N, C-alpha and C. Protein backbone atom coordinates (compact mmCIF):
# COMPACT_ATOMS: atom_id res chain seq x y z
N MET A 1 14.78 3.09 2.72
CA MET A 1 14.52 3.76 1.55
C MET A 1 13.15 2.69 1.47
N ILE A 2 11.96 3.61 1.59
CA ILE A 2 10.66 2.66 1.13
C ILE A 2 10.24 2.08 -0.29
N SER A 3 9.89 1.15 -1.12
CA SER A 3 9.86 0.55 -2.16
C SER A 3 8.34 -0.22 -2.33
N ILE A 4 7.65 -0.27 -3.43
CA ILE A 4 7.02 -0.80 -3.19
C ILE A 4 6.55 -1.31 -4.63
N GLY A 5 5.96 -2.62 -4.11
CA GLY A 5 5.85 -3.52 -5.33
C GLY A 5 4.59 -5.00 -5.12
N ASN A 6 4.99 -6.03 -6.13
CA ASN A 6 4.02 -7.09 -6.16
C ASN A 6 4.45 -8.00 -4.75
N ILE A 7 4.12 -8.67 -4.37
CA ILE A 7 4.23 -9.70 -2.70
C ILE A 7 5.10 -10.52 -3.52
N PHE A 8 4.48 -10.91 -4.92
CA PHE A 8 5.12 -12.27 -5.26
C PHE A 8 6.49 -11.88 -6.02
N LYS A 9 6.82 -10.22 -5.90
CA LYS A 9 7.77 -10.51 -6.71
C LYS A 9 8.88 -9.23 -5.59
N THR A 10 8.64 -9.82 -4.98
CA THR A 10 9.14 -9.55 -3.01
C THR A 10 10.19 -10.45 -2.66
N ASN A 11 11.43 -10.38 -2.32
CA ASN A 11 12.33 -11.50 -1.89
C ASN A 11 12.83 -10.91 -0.42
N PRO A 12 11.62 -10.90 1.03
CA PRO A 12 12.45 -10.43 1.74
C PRO A 12 13.29 -10.24 2.06
N ALA A 13 14.24 -11.47 2.21
CA ALA A 13 15.38 -11.19 2.41
C ALA A 13 16.77 -9.84 1.81
N GLU A 14 15.57 -9.28 0.79
CA GLU A 14 16.48 -7.73 -0.18
C GLU A 14 16.61 -7.01 0.85
N PHE A 15 15.48 -7.13 1.66
CA PHE A 15 14.76 -5.80 2.99
C PHE A 15 14.97 -6.30 4.14
N ASP A 16 14.85 -4.35 4.85
CA ASP A 16 15.24 -4.97 6.34
C ASP A 16 13.80 -5.70 6.91
N GLU A 17 12.68 -5.22 6.33
CA GLU A 17 11.55 -5.19 6.13
C GLU A 17 10.20 -5.63 4.95
N VAL A 18 9.23 -6.18 5.36
CA VAL A 18 8.24 -6.34 4.07
C VAL A 18 6.83 -5.83 4.71
N TRP A 19 6.22 -4.86 5.03
CA TRP A 19 4.35 -4.61 5.44
C TRP A 19 3.85 -5.34 4.31
N VAL A 20 3.49 -5.98 4.40
CA VAL A 20 2.03 -7.08 3.40
C VAL A 20 0.89 -5.73 3.91
N ILE A 21 1.03 -4.92 3.12
CA ILE A 21 -0.15 -3.87 3.27
C ILE A 21 -1.44 -4.41 2.30
N CYS A 22 -1.93 -5.10 3.23
CA CYS A 22 -3.30 -6.15 1.80
C CYS A 22 -4.45 -6.41 3.20
N PHE A 23 -5.72 -6.90 2.54
CA PHE A 23 -7.00 -6.83 3.63
C PHE A 23 -6.25 -7.61 4.06
N ALA A 24 -6.57 -9.50 3.79
CA ALA A 24 -5.95 -10.40 4.40
C ALA A 24 -4.72 -10.90 3.51
N VAL A 25 -4.20 -11.89 4.67
CA VAL A 25 -2.74 -12.64 3.47
C VAL A 25 -2.52 -14.05 4.41
N ASP A 26 -3.99 -14.44 4.69
CA ASP A 26 -3.60 -15.83 5.22
C ASP A 26 -3.59 -17.08 4.22
N GLU A 27 -3.28 -17.02 3.11
CA GLU A 27 -2.60 -17.84 2.16
C GLU A 27 -0.69 -17.13 1.92
N LEU A 28 -0.81 -16.40 2.67
CA LEU A 28 1.03 -16.30 2.34
C LEU A 28 1.55 -16.31 3.35
N ARG A 29 1.09 -16.61 4.67
CA ARG A 29 1.73 -17.31 5.48
C ARG A 29 2.82 -18.56 5.52
N SER A 30 2.42 -19.24 4.94
CA SER A 30 3.34 -20.52 4.22
C SER A 30 4.52 -19.81 3.95
N LEU A 31 3.85 -18.82 2.88
CA LEU A 31 5.22 -18.53 1.99
C LEU A 31 6.68 -18.14 2.30
N PHE A 32 5.82 -17.61 3.57
CA PHE A 32 6.98 -16.02 4.33
C PHE A 32 7.15 -16.90 6.10
N GLU A 33 6.85 -17.67 5.96
CA GLU A 33 6.77 -18.68 7.32
C GLU A 33 8.67 -18.76 8.20
N ASP A 34 9.35 -18.58 7.02
CA ASP A 34 10.62 -18.54 7.17
C ASP A 34 12.35 -17.19 7.09
N PHE A 35 10.65 -16.62 7.18
CA PHE A 35 11.23 -14.96 7.90
C PHE A 35 10.50 -14.17 8.31
N ASP A 36 11.14 -13.74 9.23
CA ASP A 36 10.83 -12.77 10.49
C ASP A 36 10.82 -10.87 10.41
N ASN A 37 11.35 -10.90 9.44
CA ASN A 37 10.65 -9.72 8.83
C ASN A 37 9.61 -8.78 8.00
N VAL A 38 9.01 -10.20 7.74
CA VAL A 38 7.20 -9.46 6.58
C VAL A 38 6.65 -9.24 8.20
N PHE A 39 5.71 -9.10 8.07
CA PHE A 39 4.29 -8.08 8.90
C PHE A 39 3.66 -7.86 7.84
N HIS A 40 2.39 -7.91 8.80
CA HIS A 40 0.82 -8.13 7.67
C HIS A 40 0.27 -5.97 8.60
N VAL A 41 0.47 -5.82 7.58
CA VAL A 41 -0.19 -3.73 7.97
C VAL A 41 -1.64 -3.50 7.33
N PRO A 42 -2.37 -3.62 8.10
CA PRO A 42 -3.54 -4.08 7.45
C PRO A 42 -4.34 -2.41 7.36
N GLU A 43 -3.57 -1.33 8.56
CA GLU A 43 -3.77 -0.48 8.85
C GLU A 43 -3.82 0.55 7.38
N LEU A 44 -2.53 0.07 6.90
CA LEU A 44 -2.20 0.46 5.29
C LEU A 44 -3.31 -0.27 4.14
N ALA A 45 -4.16 -0.53 4.43
CA ALA A 45 -4.43 -1.56 3.60
C ALA A 45 -6.39 -0.71 3.22
N PRO A 46 -7.23 -1.02 2.24
CA PRO A 46 -8.00 -0.55 2.34
C PRO A 46 -9.17 -1.25 3.13
N LYS A 47 -10.25 -0.32 3.70
CA LYS A 47 -10.84 -1.12 4.64
C LYS A 47 -12.35 -2.45 3.74
N GLU A 48 -12.07 -3.37 4.24
CA GLU A 48 -13.50 -4.80 3.82
C GLU A 48 -14.23 -4.06 2.90
N SER A 49 -14.93 -3.03 2.85
CA SER A 49 -16.04 -2.60 2.33
C SER A 49 -15.65 -2.22 1.15
N LEU A 50 -14.57 -1.40 1.04
CA LEU A 50 -13.62 -1.05 -0.26
C LEU A 50 -13.00 -1.51 -0.62
N PHE A 51 -12.18 -3.21 -0.67
CA PHE A 51 -11.55 -3.97 -0.79
C PHE A 51 -13.30 -4.99 -1.65
N LYS A 52 -13.87 -4.93 -0.97
CA LYS A 52 -15.20 -5.53 -1.56
C LYS A 52 -16.02 -4.60 -2.86
N GLU A 53 -15.84 -3.69 -2.60
CA GLU A 53 -16.19 -2.92 -3.75
C GLU A 53 -15.34 -3.13 -4.68
N TYR A 54 -13.92 -2.83 -4.58
CA TYR A 54 -13.03 -2.51 -5.81
C TYR A 54 -13.16 -4.04 -6.34
N ARG A 55 -12.92 -5.65 -5.74
CA ARG A 55 -13.42 -6.81 -6.20
C ARG A 55 -14.36 -7.14 -6.63
N SER A 56 -15.48 -5.90 -6.49
CA SER A 56 -16.55 -6.52 -7.63
C SER A 56 -16.66 -6.03 -8.76
N MET A 57 -15.76 -4.91 -8.96
CA MET A 57 -15.43 -3.69 -10.28
C MET A 57 -14.66 -5.05 -11.23
N VAL A 58 -13.47 -5.41 -10.72
CA VAL A 58 -12.48 -6.05 -11.05
C VAL A 58 -13.24 -7.36 -11.66
N HIS A 59 -14.14 -7.55 -10.95
CA HIS A 59 -14.75 -9.21 -11.85
C HIS A 59 -15.88 -9.23 -12.46
N SER A 60 -16.54 -7.60 -12.59
CA SER A 60 -17.46 -7.11 -13.33
C SER A 60 -16.31 -6.57 -14.89
N GLY A 61 -15.23 -6.40 -14.44
CA GLY A 61 -14.89 -5.64 -15.95
C GLY A 61 -14.43 -4.30 -15.86
N GLN A 62 -14.74 -3.72 -14.70
CA GLN A 62 -15.22 -1.97 -14.71
C GLN A 62 -14.08 -1.45 -14.13
N TRP A 63 -13.20 -2.77 -13.18
CA TRP A 63 -11.76 -1.77 -13.30
C TRP A 63 -10.88 -0.87 -14.07
N ASN A 64 -10.13 0.41 -13.65
CA ASN A 64 -9.36 0.79 -14.50
C ASN A 64 -9.38 2.07 -13.97
N GLU A 65 -8.45 2.71 -14.91
CA GLU A 65 -8.04 4.23 -13.61
C GLU A 65 -8.89 4.86 -14.09
N GLN A 66 -10.08 4.91 -14.41
CA GLN A 66 -11.43 5.91 -14.64
C GLN A 66 -12.15 5.65 -13.02
N SER A 67 -12.56 4.31 -12.79
CA SER A 67 -13.26 3.83 -11.59
C SER A 67 -12.03 3.73 -10.44
N PHE A 68 -11.00 4.06 -10.86
CA PHE A 68 -9.68 4.35 -9.30
C PHE A 68 -9.75 5.87 -9.45
N LYS A 69 -9.96 6.24 -10.23
CA LYS A 69 -9.77 7.84 -9.64
C LYS A 69 -10.99 8.56 -9.42
N ARG A 70 -12.28 7.74 -9.77
CA ARG A 70 -13.97 7.89 -9.40
C ARG A 70 -14.26 7.25 -8.00
N CYS A 71 -14.36 6.56 -7.86
CA CYS A 71 -14.93 5.67 -7.04
C CYS A 71 -13.73 5.06 -6.41
N TYR A 72 -12.32 5.21 -6.33
CA TYR A 72 -11.61 4.27 -4.91
C TYR A 72 -10.48 5.08 -4.03
N VAL A 73 -10.02 6.24 -4.66
CA VAL A 73 -9.19 7.50 -4.57
C VAL A 73 -9.63 8.06 -3.43
N GLN A 74 -10.49 9.05 -3.17
CA GLN A 74 -11.38 9.23 -1.80
C GLN A 74 -11.65 8.92 -1.10
N LYS A 75 -12.00 7.57 -0.99
CA LYS A 75 -12.99 6.48 -0.17
C LYS A 75 -11.46 6.17 0.84
N PHE A 76 -10.13 5.55 0.02
CA PHE A 76 -9.63 5.51 0.56
C PHE A 76 -8.69 6.19 1.21
N LEU A 77 -8.77 7.66 0.21
CA LEU A 77 -8.16 8.55 1.63
C LEU A 77 -8.71 9.13 2.73
N ASN A 78 -9.95 9.28 2.46
CA ASN A 78 -11.12 9.27 4.03
C ASN A 78 -10.53 8.23 4.58
N ASP A 79 -10.88 7.29 4.59
CA ASP A 79 -10.10 5.67 5.42
C ASP A 79 -9.28 5.82 5.88
N ILE A 80 -7.92 6.91 5.63
CA ILE A 80 -6.48 6.33 5.75
C ILE A 80 -6.26 7.44 7.02
N GLN A 81 -7.35 8.44 6.23
CA GLN A 81 -7.08 10.02 6.87
C GLN A 81 -7.55 10.09 8.82
N SER A 82 -8.88 9.34 8.72
CA SER A 82 -10.08 8.77 10.28
C SER A 82 -9.46 7.75 10.94
N SER A 83 -8.33 7.21 10.41
CA SER A 83 -8.26 6.16 11.44
C SER A 83 -6.67 6.61 12.27
N GLU A 84 -6.56 6.27 13.15
CA GLU A 84 -5.40 7.09 14.02
C GLU A 84 -3.80 5.35 13.92
N ALA A 85 -4.42 4.84 13.58
CA ALA A 85 -3.62 4.15 13.64
C ALA A 85 -3.19 3.67 12.07
N ALA A 86 -4.23 4.18 10.76
CA ALA A 86 -3.07 4.14 9.29
C ALA A 86 -2.30 5.48 9.93
N MET A 87 -2.56 6.67 9.94
CA MET A 87 -1.49 7.30 10.12
C MET A 87 -0.45 7.49 11.20
N LYS A 88 -0.54 6.44 12.38
CA LYS A 88 0.38 6.45 12.99
C LYS A 88 1.52 5.33 12.42
N GLN A 89 1.09 4.19 11.71
CA GLN A 89 2.04 3.49 10.97
C GLN A 89 2.43 4.62 9.57
N LEU A 90 1.52 5.60 9.05
CA LEU A 90 2.56 6.00 8.26
C LEU A 90 3.77 7.40 8.34
N ARG A 91 3.53 7.98 10.44
CA ARG A 91 4.41 8.30 10.91
C ARG A 91 5.74 7.43 10.97
N ALA A 92 5.45 6.23 11.06
CA ALA A 92 6.70 5.19 11.45
C ALA A 92 7.13 5.36 10.40
N LEU A 93 6.91 5.24 8.77
CA LEU A 93 7.54 5.28 8.44
C LEU A 93 8.10 5.73 7.59
N VAL A 94 7.56 7.19 7.55
CA VAL A 94 8.42 8.58 7.60
C VAL A 94 9.76 8.26 8.49
N ALA A 95 8.94 8.40 9.58
CA ALA A 95 10.92 8.56 10.32
C ALA A 95 11.31 6.98 10.16
N VAL A 96 11.92 6.55 9.39
CA VAL A 96 12.58 5.07 9.28
C VAL A 96 12.94 5.62 7.77
N SER A 97 12.80 6.17 7.42
CA SER A 97 12.48 5.76 5.54
C SER A 97 14.14 6.10 5.15
N GLU A 98 14.14 6.67 6.07
CA GLU A 98 15.93 7.08 5.36
C GLU A 98 17.03 5.92 5.64
N ASP A 99 16.82 4.82 7.04
CA ASP A 99 17.38 3.91 7.75
C ASP A 99 17.22 3.03 7.61
N LYS A 100 16.41 2.36 6.68
CA LYS A 100 15.81 0.94 7.18
C LYS A 100 15.19 0.81 5.28
N ASN A 101 15.40 -0.42 5.09
CA ASN A 101 15.36 -0.95 3.43
C ASN A 101 13.93 -1.77 3.37
N ILE A 102 12.73 -0.90 3.02
CA ILE A 102 11.45 -1.19 3.75
C ILE A 102 10.53 -1.46 2.52
N ARG A 103 9.71 -2.81 1.86
CA ARG A 103 9.02 -2.72 0.83
C ARG A 103 7.52 -2.74 1.15
N LEU A 104 6.71 -2.12 0.54
CA LEU A 104 4.93 -2.08 1.05
C LEU A 104 4.99 -2.81 -0.26
N ALA A 105 4.21 -4.08 0.10
CA ALA A 105 3.58 -5.24 -0.86
C ALA A 105 2.20 -5.23 -0.67
N CYS A 106 1.49 -5.53 -2.09
CA CYS A 106 0.09 -6.39 -1.91
C CYS A 106 0.11 -7.05 -3.18
N PHE A 107 -1.31 -7.50 -3.20
CA PHE A 107 -1.24 -8.26 -5.10
C PHE A 107 -1.62 -7.54 -5.83
N CYS A 108 -1.77 -6.37 -5.86
CA CYS A 108 -1.54 -6.26 -7.27
C CYS A 108 -0.57 -6.35 -8.32
N PRO A 109 -0.63 -6.51 -9.49
CA PRO A 109 0.53 -6.76 -10.36
C PRO A 109 1.49 -5.24 -10.44
N ASP A 110 2.39 -4.96 -10.46
CA ASP A 110 3.31 -4.39 -10.99
C ASP A 110 2.79 -3.23 -11.84
N ASP A 111 2.21 -3.48 -13.10
CA ASP A 111 2.11 -3.52 -14.59
C ASP A 111 0.84 -1.78 -13.48
N GLU A 112 0.15 -2.84 -13.35
CA GLU A 112 -1.02 -2.15 -12.60
C GLU A 112 -0.84 -1.35 -11.43
N GLU A 113 0.46 -0.85 -11.10
CA GLU A 113 0.68 -0.25 -9.55
C GLU A 113 -0.10 1.38 -9.48
N GLY A 114 -0.11 1.76 -11.06
CA GLY A 114 -0.99 3.09 -10.61
C GLY A 114 -2.43 3.16 -10.02
N ILE A 115 -2.98 2.02 -10.05
CA ILE A 115 -4.27 1.71 -10.38
C ILE A 115 -4.66 1.17 -9.03
N CYS A 116 -3.65 1.23 -8.00
CA CYS A 116 -3.32 0.11 -7.26
C CYS A 116 -3.15 0.73 -5.49
N HIS A 117 -3.52 0.73 -4.76
CA HIS A 117 -2.97 1.62 -3.26
C HIS A 117 -2.19 1.59 -2.59
N ARG A 118 -1.40 1.16 -3.47
CA ARG A 118 0.14 1.56 -2.91
C ARG A 118 0.77 2.63 -3.69
N SER A 119 0.16 3.04 -4.77
CA SER A 119 0.31 4.13 -4.93
C SER A 119 0.08 5.20 -4.46
N ILE A 120 -1.02 5.25 -3.37
CA ILE A 120 -1.41 5.92 -2.72
C ILE A 120 -1.41 6.41 -1.52
N VAL A 121 -0.36 4.88 -0.89
CA VAL A 121 0.38 5.29 0.40
C VAL A 121 1.44 6.08 -0.02
N ALA A 122 2.00 5.04 -1.69
CA ALA A 122 3.71 5.66 -1.15
C ALA A 122 3.48 7.77 -1.65
N GLY A 123 2.27 8.14 -2.31
CA GLY A 123 2.08 9.62 -2.48
C GLY A 123 1.93 10.40 -1.59
N LEU A 124 1.53 9.77 -0.38
CA LEU A 124 0.54 10.27 1.11
C LEU A 124 2.47 10.40 1.43
N LEU A 125 3.43 8.64 1.78
CA LEU A 125 4.65 9.32 2.34
C LEU A 125 5.36 9.86 1.69
N LEU A 126 5.40 10.51 0.16
CA LEU A 126 6.87 11.48 -0.31
C LEU A 126 6.29 12.41 -0.16
N ASN A 127 4.30 12.97 0.40
CA ASN A 127 4.16 13.92 0.81
C ASN A 127 4.69 14.75 2.25
N MET A 128 4.64 13.25 2.97
CA MET A 128 5.00 13.50 4.92
C MET A 128 6.66 13.74 4.54
N GLY A 129 7.32 13.23 3.41
CA GLY A 129 9.03 13.50 3.13
C GLY A 129 9.08 12.61 3.98
N ALA A 130 9.04 11.32 3.20
CA ALA A 130 10.06 9.84 3.13
C ALA A 130 10.22 9.85 2.34
N CYS A 131 11.44 8.78 2.20
CA CYS A 131 12.44 8.59 1.34
C CYS A 131 11.83 7.67 0.66
N VAL A 132 10.74 7.89 -0.74
CA VAL A 132 10.39 6.52 -1.51
C VAL A 132 10.69 6.52 -2.55
N GLU A 133 10.69 5.11 -3.03
CA GLU A 133 11.03 4.99 -4.58
C GLU A 133 10.00 4.49 -5.25
N CYS A 134 9.49 5.48 -5.44
CA CYS A 134 8.16 5.83 -6.89
C CYS A 134 8.00 6.65 -7.83
N SER A 135 6.66 6.77 -8.54
CA SER A 135 6.41 8.14 -9.56
C SER A 135 6.44 9.15 -9.23
N GLU A 136 6.45 10.14 -9.23
CA GLU A 136 6.61 11.69 -8.38
C GLU A 136 4.95 12.20 -9.08
N ASP A 137 4.47 11.41 -9.68
CA ASP A 137 3.28 11.67 -10.36
C ASP A 137 2.57 10.85 -8.69
N TYR A 138 2.62 10.47 -7.77
CA TYR A 138 2.42 9.42 -7.13
C TYR A 138 1.87 11.32 -6.00
N ARG A 139 2.85 11.93 -6.04
CA ARG A 139 2.76 13.28 -5.05
C ARG A 139 1.53 13.87 -5.22
N ILE A 140 -0.22 13.16 -5.97
CA ILE A 140 -1.25 13.84 -6.12
C ILE A 140 -1.83 13.53 -4.82
N TYR A 141 -1.77 12.76 -3.85
CA TYR A 141 -2.64 12.00 -3.62
C TYR A 141 -1.83 12.65 -2.09
N ARG A 142 -2.23 13.21 -1.21
CA ARG A 142 -2.48 14.30 -0.43
C ARG A 142 -3.74 13.86 0.92
N LEU A 143 -3.46 14.51 1.98
CA LEU A 143 -4.55 14.35 3.29
C LEU A 143 -4.98 15.17 2.75
N CYS A 144 -6.32 15.65 3.56
CA CYS A 144 -7.19 16.93 3.76
C CYS A 144 -6.43 17.15 4.80
N GLY A 145 -6.32 18.90 4.87
CA GLY A 145 -5.95 19.67 6.02
C GLY A 145 -4.99 19.51 6.47
């Protein structure tokens, strides 16, 4: 089963693997140095340009559900779909979703999950046939073609 959540509310001992799907994780290395099941998977994170655009909107008070839908979702989906490395990671997750307990984590608070890229990743995985513990509303996120 795959679950999604905030990295600071994730206990690696509770999972077979924790995939940190963030742009950068340098500050987390010391938090998880005792765990060999925590992996940085930048292929499922926003690209640097999209991450900077998101941070700019957050800092200017413009980040909300509308900006997520209008400015972020399609760019993130395009980036994922155009990356063979990202698609490979998604297929790998689908293949093990019934056998392993995997957490996909990032910095976004759990109460903002609906406007976080991990909701998009969860929806893609649901639509690809993976076992994902998340809102069925995330099925709206699909790859083209």
